[in-house]
Amino acid sequence: MARDAEWVELVALLGRHKERMVDDFFDGFDGNVVYEGAVPAGDISDLVSSTMEMYLLLLAGKQLPDELRRLPADLGARRARQGVPAEQLLDGVRTNSRVIWNALRSITGPDQMECLVRNTGLFLGLVEWHVREVQYAYLREADRLQRRSETVRRQALRRLFEEPAPGQGELAMICRDLGLQADSEYALVVQPGQHATDCELCESGEWPYAHEPGRVTCHFRQVRLHESEGDEPSLSGRAAFFTPIQGVRGLLPALHTGHALLYAYDFDTPVLLTSKNTWAGVAWRAVEELFPPDLAPVDVSRVRALGPNARRRLLDTVAAYLANGSIKATAEQLFCHRNTIVKRLAQFEELIGLRFSVPNEAALVVLAIAALTREDGTYA
């Protein structure tokens, strides 16, 4: 686009101050500080000089060579790859335009002021084009990098939970792609079904890793410093929870265990299945598989024969007593007189032929309760 002669002359005068404008830019924009070392100093210096040249040519209405025509787009994409925040990038672009405008004003004499005013719109349009091109390129590249990052992340998660387990070298690459420490301790939650769009764990922001292997969904995170049992996730549905898992390699076996528990305890009760509250049920299943009924170490048939209300009352009492070991605490928990608790425990001992006071027999009581309560779908 043709420029008037007076303006072209003013721009030519501006070009003689290019080195000063570059110095003024660095006086107002310290790239090492703003970019926090993400951008090499030489990169910034070369770019500022080229950008000044681009402005001078466009202000004078001249054709840009290919390398300067691509300059805004190259800048936006490069800064996105360098991880520079968009606002910091645009701050540099704005600083550049302010330096050029201030230089223009300083060299404009009284007799050229009308020319400057007349071409202010031209200058502002150029700045708007520059900012827009840089920003569009930045956003396009950031989106591409995000999609690539998500693809790499999904692939790494899938391989982490695939059989056969990854070798040492592959595991190191998986940890790199996911930002994990191979030897850290982890917590893992396994839930039945597909990953919900309104997932409670994802919405909490505390479980950054999610994967959907088959019929379950798992979430995991690194164990926090000074984490305690009180940090168990609060969920509205059934789930398996394990912590601490020693190292990234322990996640796959924990997932298999969680999957097995979820489909072993497939009732609708919203319970958090853990190693502590499922071991007895797992042990009883092993007993059932190994021993024929007439050789089983404990016979629960007489308890099973009770009416549903009587059986439930008895099982609740025994389960509470096994959990706290105190008749007084059990009575308070169930809002009963202590003598009532004593009678129920004695009744259970008679029905099952085992005594709570004998450790070896008490262990069998725990297995029996696990078997009976799991049948009712009310206890892990």
Protein backbone atom coordinates (compact mmCIF):
# COMPACT_ATOMS: atom_id res chain seq x y z
CA MET A 1 0.00 0.00 0.00
CA ALA A 2 1.41 3.40 -1.04
CA ARG A 3 2.44 5.82 1.70
CA ASP A 4 2.64 9.59 1.44
CA ALA A 5 6.12 10.98 0.89
CA GLU A 6 6.26 12.86 4.19
CA TRP A 7 5.44 9.69 6.14
CA VAL A 8 8.01 7.61 4.22
CA GLU A 9 10.62 10.24 5.05
CA LEU A 10 9.67 10.09 8.74
CA VAL A 11 9.91 6.30 8.77
CA ALA A 12 13.34 6.47 7.09
CA LEU A 13 14.46 8.81 9.87
CA LEU A 14 13.09 6.32 12.39
CA GLY A 15 15.18 3.58 10.79
CA ARG A 16 18.36 5.46 11.66
CA HIS A 17 17.42 4.99 15.34
CA LYS A 18 16.94 1.22 15.11
CA GLU A 19 19.85 0.35 17.41
CA ARG A 20 18.60 2.85 20.00
CA MET A 21 15.10 1.31 19.83
CA VAL A 22 16.57 -2.14 20.45
CA ASP A 23 18.39 -0.78 23.50
CA ASP A 24 15.20 0.93 24.71
CA PHE A 25 13.33 -2.36 24.40
CA PHE A 26 15.75 -4.16 26.69
CA ASP A 27 15.66 -1.25 29.13
CA GLY A 28 11.92 -1.87 29.54
CA PHE A 29 11.79 -5.65 29.09
CA ASP A 30 14.23 -8.00 30.80
CA GLY A 31 13.60 -11.31 29.05
CA ASN A 32 15.66 -13.30 31.56
CA VAL A 33 13.38 -12.12 34.35
CA VAL A 34 10.03 -12.15 32.51
CA TYR A 35 10.57 -15.52 30.82
CA GLU A 36 12.31 -17.01 33.87
CA GLY A 37 15.15 -18.40 31.78
CA ALA A 38 12.83 -20.28 29.39
CA VAL A 39 14.07 -18.27 26.37
CA PRO A 40 17.77 -17.90 25.46
CA ALA A 41 19.02 -14.30 25.55
CA GLY A 42 20.30 -14.56 21.98
CA ASP A 43 16.84 -15.60 20.80
CA ILE A 44 15.29 -12.44 22.26
CA SER A 45 18.03 -10.15 20.90
CA ASP A 46 17.77 -11.48 17.33
CA LEU A 47 13.98 -11.37 17.46
CA VAL A 48 13.78 -7.74 18.64
CA SER A 49 16.10 -6.58 15.89
CA SER A 50 14.12 -8.48 13.25
CA THR A 51 10.81 -7.19 14.62
CA MET A 52 12.04 -3.58 14.41
CA GLU A 53 13.01 -4.22 10.79
CA MET A 54 9.58 -5.72 10.08
CA TYR A 55 7.83 -2.64 11.48
CA LEU A 56 10.03 -0.26 9.53
CA LEU A 57 9.30 -2.03 6.23
CA LEU A 58 5.55 -2.28 6.83
CA LEU A 59 5.28 1.35 8.01
CA ALA A 60 7.04 2.39 4.82
CA GLY A 61 4.66 0.27 2.71
CA LYS A 62 7.37 -2.11 1.50
CA GLN A 63 7.14 -5.83 0.77
CA LEU A 64 8.38 -8.14 3.53
CA PRO A 65 10.91 -10.90 2.76
CA ASP A 66 9.67 -14.40 3.63
CA GLU A 67 11.57 -14.68 6.92
CA LEU A 68 10.02 -11.43 8.22
CA ARG A 69 6.57 -12.26 6.89
CA ARG A 70 6.64 -15.46 8.96
CA LEU A 71 8.10 -13.72 12.00
CA PRO A 72 4.90 -13.22 14.10
CA ALA A 73 3.67 -16.77 13.51
CA ASP A 74 7.10 -18.24 14.19
CA LEU A 75 7.34 -16.23 17.39
CA GLY A 76 3.96 -17.37 18.72
CA ALA A 77 4.61 -21.04 17.96
CA ARG A 78 8.16 -20.96 19.37
CA ARG A 79 7.11 -19.35 22.65
CA ALA A 80 4.33 -21.93 23.04
CA ARG A 81 6.89 -24.72 22.64
CA GLN A 82 9.15 -23.00 25.16
CA GLY A 83 6.32 -22.95 27.69
CA VAL A 84 6.12 -19.16 27.94
CA PRO A 85 2.74 -18.00 29.33
CA ALA A 86 0.66 -16.09 26.76
CA GLU A 87 0.49 -12.91 28.86
CA GLN A 88 4.27 -12.74 29.17
CA LEU A 89 4.63 -13.19 25.43
CA LEU A 90 2.11 -10.45 24.62
CA ASP A 91 3.78 -8.17 27.16
CA GLY A 92 6.94 -8.39 25.06
CA VAL A 93 5.01 -7.64 21.85
CA ARG A 94 3.34 -4.61 23.45
CA THR A 95 6.69 -3.37 24.79
CA ASN A 96 8.08 -3.54 21.28
CA SER A 97 5.25 -1.42 19.83
CA ARG A 98 5.51 1.12 22.66
CA VAL A 99 9.24 1.56 22.02
CA ILE A 100 8.64 2.20 18.30
CA TRP A 101 5.80 4.64 18.99
CA ASN A 102 7.83 6.54 21.56
CA ALA A 103 10.73 6.75 19.11
CA LEU A 104 8.39 8.05 16.42
CA ARG A 105 7.10 10.75 18.70
CA SER A 106 10.59 11.77 19.78
CA ILE A 107 11.86 12.30 16.20
CA THR A 108 8.72 14.04 14.95
CA GLY A 109 9.21 17.78 14.67
CA PRO A 110 6.42 20.36 15.02
CA ASP A 111 6.01 20.59 11.25
CA GLN A 112 5.64 16.74 11.00
CA MET A 113 3.12 16.34 13.82
CA GLU A 114 0.16 16.46 11.44
CA CYS A 115 1.73 13.63 9.43
CA LEU A 116 2.16 11.52 12.58
CA VAL A 117 -1.45 12.09 13.59
CA ARG A 118 -2.61 11.28 10.07
CA ASN A 119 -0.81 7.93 10.15
CA THR A 120 -1.60 6.95 13.75
CA GLY A 121 -4.35 4.61 12.53
CA LEU A 122 -1.84 2.92 10.23
CA PHE A 123 0.52 2.31 13.13
CA LEU A 124 -2.23 1.02 15.44
CA GLY A 125 -3.50 -1.30 12.73
CA LEU A 126 -0.03 -2.74 12.31
CA VAL A 127 0.26 -3.31 16.07
CA GLU A 128 -3.15 -5.00 16.12
CA TRP A 129 -2.12 -7.27 13.21
CA HIS A 130 1.16 -8.14 14.95
CA VAL A 131 -0.51 -9.03 18.26
CA ARG A 132 -3.24 -11.03 16.52
CA GLU A 133 -0.81 -13.07 14.40
CA VAL A 134 1.41 -13.85 17.37
CA GLN A 135 -1.55 -14.78 19.56
CA TYR A 136 -3.24 -16.98 16.94
CA ALA A 137 -0.02 -18.85 16.25
CA TYR A 138 0.60 -19.29 19.97
CA LEU A 139 -2.89 -20.70 20.58
CA ARG A 140 -2.68 -23.05 17.59
CA GLU A 141 0.67 -24.43 18.72
CA ALA A 142 -0.41 -24.64 22.37
CA ASP A 143 -3.50 -26.60 21.30
CA ARG A 144 -1.39 -28.93 19.17
CA LEU A 145 1.03 -29.48 22.03
CA GLN A 146 -1.85 -30.12 24.44
CA ARG A 147 -3.40 -32.69 22.12
CA ARG A 148 -0.02 -34.33 21.61
CA SER A 149 0.57 -34.30 25.36
CA GLU A 150 -2.82 -35.90 26.00
CA THR A 151 -2.09 -38.57 23.40
CA VAL A 152 1.29 -39.33 24.97
CA ARG A 153 -0.35 -39.38 28.42
CA ARG A 154 -3.09 -41.78 27.34
CA GLN A 155 -0.59 -44.08 25.66
CA ALA A 156 1.65 -44.08 28.74
CA LEU A 157 -1.29 -44.83 31.06
CA ARG A 158 -2.52 -47.64 28.82
CA ARG A 159 0.92 -49.25 28.71
CA LEU A 160 1.40 -48.87 32.48
CA PHE A 161 -1.69 -51.02 33.08
CA GLU A 162 -1.16 -53.54 30.28
CA GLU A 163 0.21 -57.06 30.43
CA PRO A 164 3.00 -57.94 30.18
CA ALA A 165 4.30 -55.35 32.61
CA PRO A 166 6.72 -52.88 31.00
CA GLY A 167 10.45 -53.49 31.31
CA GLN A 168 12.78 -51.20 33.22
CA GLY A 169 13.63 -48.97 30.25
CA GLU A 170 10.01 -48.66 29.10
CA LEU A 171 8.87 -47.97 32.66
CA ALA A 172 11.37 -45.10 32.89
CA MET A 173 9.86 -43.57 29.73
CA ILE A 174 6.32 -44.02 31.08
CA CYS A 175 7.29 -42.25 34.30
CA ARG A 176 8.88 -39.44 32.28
CA ASP A 177 5.76 -38.98 30.13
CA LEU A 178 3.44 -38.98 33.17
CA GLY A 179 5.68 -37.01 35.51
CA LEU A 180 5.89 -39.88 38.01
CA GLN A 181 8.62 -41.02 40.38
CA ALA A 182 9.16 -44.74 39.92
CA ASP A 183 9.93 -45.43 43.60
CA SER A 184 7.33 -43.17 45.25
CA GLU A 185 4.34 -44.46 47.22
CA TYR A 186 0.94 -44.29 45.54
CA ALA A 187 -2.76 -44.48 46.40
CA LEU A 188 -5.19 -46.11 43.97
CA VAL A 189 -8.99 -46.20 43.71
CA VAL A 190 -10.80 -48.74 41.52
CA GLN A 191 -14.48 -48.18 40.67
CA PRO A 192 -16.87 -50.40 38.69
CA GLY A 193 -17.96 -49.34 35.22
CA GLN A 194 -16.91 -46.63 32.79
CA HIS A 195 -15.31 -43.34 33.72
CA ALA A 196 -18.17 -41.00 34.67
CA THR A 197 -18.37 -37.57 33.05
CA ASP A 198 -19.13 -36.07 36.48
CA CYS A 199 -16.45 -38.14 38.24
CA GLU A 200 -16.17 -37.24 41.94
CA LEU A 201 -12.45 -37.92 42.06
CA CYS A 202 -11.62 -35.86 38.97
CA GLU A 203 -13.74 -32.96 40.22
CA SER A 204 -11.88 -33.01 43.55
CA GLY A 205 -8.65 -32.15 41.72
CA GLU A 206 -6.69 -34.50 44.00
CA TRP A 207 -6.53 -37.51 41.67
CA PRO A 208 -4.64 -36.40 38.54
CA TYR A 209 -4.36 -39.81 36.85
CA ALA A 210 -7.37 -41.72 35.53
CA HIS A 211 -7.53 -44.81 33.32
CA GLU A 212 -10.33 -47.08 32.13
CA PRO A 213 -9.07 -50.65 31.66
CA GLY A 214 -12.05 -52.80 30.74
CA ARG A 215 -14.96 -53.03 33.15
CA VAL A 216 -13.50 -50.69 35.80
CA THR A 217 -12.05 -47.21 36.15
CA CYS A 218 -8.98 -46.51 38.24
CA HIS A 219 -7.57 -43.27 39.64
CA PHE A 220 -4.21 -42.93 41.31
CA ARG A 221 -1.97 -40.29 42.82
CA GLN A 222 1.24 -40.03 44.77
CA VAL A 223 0.84 -40.44 48.53
CA ARG A 224 1.06 -37.10 50.30
CA LEU A 225 3.46 -36.39 53.14
CA HIS A 226 2.01 -37.32 56.55
CA GLU A 227 -1.03 -38.92 54.90
CA SER A 228 -3.25 -40.91 57.27
CA GLU A 229 -6.25 -43.22 57.05
CA GLY A 230 -8.49 -40.18 57.41
CA ASP A 231 -7.44 -39.24 53.89
CA GLU A 232 -9.49 -42.06 52.34
CA PRO A 233 -11.66 -40.75 49.48
CA SER A 234 -15.30 -40.06 50.28
CA LEU A 235 -17.35 -41.67 47.51
CA SER A 236 -21.05 -42.17 46.94
CA GLY A 237 -20.63 -45.60 45.35
CA ARG A 238 -18.73 -48.85 45.75
CA ALA A 239 -14.96 -48.72 45.23
CA ALA A 240 -11.72 -50.42 46.20
CA PHE A 241 -8.95 -48.33 47.77
CA PHE A 242 -5.32 -49.24 48.37
CA THR A 243 -2.47 -47.29 49.97
CA PRO A 244 0.45 -47.11 50.27
CA ILE A 245 1.44 -48.92 47.07
CA GLN A 246 5.20 -49.22 46.86
CA GLY A 247 6.37 -47.83 43.54
CA VAL A 248 4.78 -47.47 40.12
CA ARG A 249 5.17 -51.20 39.47
CA GLY A 250 2.74 -51.93 42.30
CA LEU A 251 -0.15 -50.14 40.56
CA LEU A 252 -0.98 -52.94 38.11
CA PRO A 253 -1.22 -55.71 40.76
CA ALA A 254 -3.32 -53.36 42.93
CA LEU A 255 -5.64 -52.74 39.98
CA HIS A 256 -6.09 -56.50 39.50
CA THR A 257 -6.87 -56.88 43.20
CA GLY A 258 -9.37 -54.03 43.13
CA HIS A 259 -11.07 -55.47 40.06
CA ALA A 260 -11.39 -58.86 41.75
CA LEU A 261 -12.80 -57.37 44.97
CA LEU A 262 -15.36 -55.21 43.17
CA TYR A 263 -16.82 -58.20 41.39
CA ALA A 264 -16.56 -60.49 44.41
CA TYR A 265 -18.49 -57.98 46.51
CA ASP A 266 -20.97 -57.03 43.82
CA PHE A 267 -23.81 -55.81 46.06
CA ASP A 268 -25.08 -52.24 45.87
CA THR A 269 -23.95 -51.05 49.29
CA PRO A 270 -21.72 -47.94 48.88
CA VAL A 271 -18.65 -49.31 50.66
CA LEU A 272 -14.94 -48.57 50.32
CA LEU A 273 -13.23 -51.94 49.99
CA THR A 274 -9.72 -52.07 51.47
CA SER A 275 -7.19 -54.71 52.41
CA LYS A 276 -8.29 -54.45 56.04
CA ASN A 277 -12.02 -54.91 55.57
CA THR A 278 -11.90 -57.58 52.84
CA TRP A 279 -9.13 -59.95 53.92
CA ALA A 280 -11.50 -62.13 55.94
CA GLY A 281 -13.90 -62.50 53.02
CA VAL A 282 -11.00 -63.35 50.70
CA ALA A 283 -9.74 -65.91 53.20
CA TRP A 284 -13.19 -67.49 53.52
CA ARG A 285 -13.46 -67.84 49.73
CA ALA A 286 -10.12 -69.68 49.79
CA VAL A 287 -11.44 -71.96 52.56
CA GLU A 288 -14.60 -72.69 50.56
CA GLU A 289 -12.59 -73.50 47.44
CA LEU A 290 -10.12 -75.77 49.26
CA PHE A 291 -12.33 -77.68 51.73
CA PRO A 292 -15.49 -79.66 50.96
CA PRO A 293 -18.44 -78.59 53.17
CA ASP A 294 -18.13 -81.52 55.60
CA LEU A 295 -14.43 -80.75 56.19
CA ALA A 296 -14.71 -76.94 56.50
CA PRO A 297 -13.10 -75.62 59.73
CA VAL A 298 -16.31 -73.80 60.68
CA ASP A 299 -19.99 -74.63 60.15
CA VAL A 300 -22.29 -71.62 59.65
CA SER A 301 -25.42 -73.57 58.72
CA ARG A 302 -27.16 -73.11 62.11
CA VAL A 303 -26.69 -69.33 62.00
CA ARG A 304 -27.78 -69.27 58.37
CA ALA A 305 -30.99 -71.07 59.35
CA LEU A 306 -32.14 -68.25 61.65
CA GLY A 307 -34.90 -65.92 60.53
CA PRO A 308 -33.63 -62.83 58.64
CA ASN A 309 -34.22 -60.36 61.51
CA ALA A 310 -32.69 -62.58 64.17
CA ARG A 311 -29.72 -63.41 61.94
CA ARG A 312 -29.12 -59.74 61.08
CA ARG A 313 -29.30 -58.70 64.74
CA LEU A 314 -26.85 -61.42 65.75
CA LEU A 315 -24.40 -60.72 62.95
CA ASP A 316 -24.42 -56.97 63.61
CA THR A 317 -23.62 -57.64 67.25
CA VAL A 318 -20.77 -60.06 66.54
CA ALA A 319 -19.31 -57.84 63.78
CA ALA A 320 -19.33 -54.80 66.08
CA TYR A 321 -17.72 -56.77 68.91
CA LEU A 322 -15.00 -58.13 66.61
CA ALA A 323 -14.28 -54.59 65.42
CA ASN A 324 -13.77 -53.07 68.89
CA GLY A 325 -13.24 -56.00 71.28
CA SER A 326 -15.33 -54.32 73.99
CA ILE A 327 -18.75 -55.37 75.26
CA LYS A 328 -19.31 -51.87 76.65
CA ALA A 329 -18.41 -50.16 73.35
CA THR A 330 -20.56 -52.64 71.40
CA ALA A 331 -23.55 -51.95 73.67
CA GLU A 332 -23.12 -48.19 73.19
CA GLN A 333 -22.77 -48.57 69.44
CA LEU A 334 -25.92 -50.70 69.12
CA PHE A 335 -27.89 -48.86 71.84
CA CYS A 336 -28.33 -52.07 73.85
CA HIS A 337 -27.77 -53.11 77.46
CA ARG A 338 -24.44 -54.86 77.98
CA ASN A 339 -26.25 -57.99 79.20
CA THR A 340 -28.04 -58.14 75.84
CA ILE A 341 -24.68 -58.10 74.08
CA VAL A 342 -23.33 -60.84 76.36
CA LYS A 343 -26.37 -63.05 75.62
CA ARG A 344 -26.08 -62.55 71.86
CA LEU A 345 -22.38 -63.39 71.87
CA ALA A 346 -23.05 -66.52 73.92
CA GLN A 347 -25.83 -67.52 71.50
CA PHE A 348 -23.47 -67.13 68.57
CA GLU A 349 -20.80 -69.25 70.28
CA GLU A 350 -23.35 -72.01 70.85
CA LEU A 351 -24.65 -71.92 67.27
CA ILE A 352 -21.24 -71.96 65.65
CA GLY A 353 -19.34 -74.06 68.21
CA LEU A 354 -16.49 -71.55 68.62
CA ARG A 355 -15.29 -69.36 71.49
CA PHE A 356 -14.26 -65.70 71.21
CA SER A 357 -11.79 -66.17 74.07
CA VAL A 358 -9.63 -68.66 72.17
CA PRO A 359 -7.51 -66.81 69.57
CA ASN A 360 -7.43 -69.64 67.02
CA GLU A 361 -11.20 -70.09 67.25
CA ALA A 362 -11.74 -66.28 67.22
CA ALA A 363 -9.96 -66.19 63.85
CA LEU A 364 -12.48 -68.70 62.51
CA VAL A 365 -15.30 -66.53 63.91
CA VAL A 366 -13.96 -63.63 61.83
CA LEU A 367 -14.08 -65.85 58.72
CA ALA A 368 -17.57 -67.03 59.55
CA ILE A 369 -18.85 -63.46 59.98
CA ALA A 370 -17.26 -62.52 56.66
CA ALA A 371 -19.07 -65.40 54.95
CA LEU A 372 -22.45 -64.72 56.56
CA THR A 373 -22.49 -60.97 56.19
CA ARG A 374 -21.28 -61.10 52.58
CA GLU A 375 -24.30 -63.28 51.79
CA ASP A 376 -26.50 -60.44 53.03
CA GLY A 377 -24.59 -57.88 50.93
CA THR A 378 -24.07 -55.56 53.87
CA TYR A 379 -20.47 -56.06 54.95
CA ALA A 380 -17.20 -56.15 53.09
